[in-house]
Amino acid sequence: MLNIGCDPELICRLDDEFVPAYKYFKHNSSFGTDGLETTAELRPGYCSSPVDLCAKIRVILELGHDKYPELELFAGHYVDSRCLGGHIHFNAEPSSPLISSLDTVLEALSNEIDDPDQKAERIKSGYGRPGAFRKQPHGFEYRTPGSWLISPTVSLVTLTLAKLTFIGHHDNLNFGEIKTNLDDKTFLLSLGTTLKTIPDDCVPGLDLLDGLLSENVDWTVNILKNWGIAA
């Protein structure tokens, strides 16, 4: 069974000023710090369902807010002069065609919803380039995406597309070929009819895709407001 996990990162602010995450969170915890200890990192574990994984993310965010209600949290590619990642983990062996498929699908989503200036700064810093992955004992982590924690909708759509890309790859779909001559939005909206297999737990995220692509996502806001956790 395919399981997916993630360790998306966040910037912490107090009264609109950056504060290092290590002042509040421990390194090895579900709401902890990354390797630099200046940015926060969520570790919700693994699920077969993107819906369940997002539910676990919400619980962690709520616990963090209950403990430190004064903190504001920010997602994206590059915030307060710091790179943020939204790494996605798979309990499977990586391959060049699979990584290329993830690049094709998730880059199309990124082109539609991410802040291009933030994205450019992160790439300039050496992170977020297409094809970035790292082998892990459990399988691999795909490291190209920025932190998609801006809202529950963006989170669910991102994780859903990641799972569907993996499934589509194993159904022998060539996403690069499918995307030929299609703009990013048209390509993404075509997936509902192109994919051979759509598990029930991917339907909610796929249903949200059309609406998300019509939004202008504001990457400058405290994510807790979008999650309905803070006013």
Foldseek 3Di string as FASTA:
>chain_A
DKKKWKKWKKFKDAPNHTAAQQVPADCPDQFHAPPVSRITIGGQDIDPFLVVNLVSVLVVVLVSCVRPVRIFIFWAQADPNDGIWIKMDIQAADDPQLLVLLCLQVVLVCVQAGDVVSLVSNVVVPFQDRPDKAADPRHIINTNHTRQLLASLSSSLSVLSSSLSVVQVVVVDRLVVQCVPPHSLVSLLCCVVVRPDRDPSSVVNSVSSVVSSVDHRDRPGRSCVRHVSHD
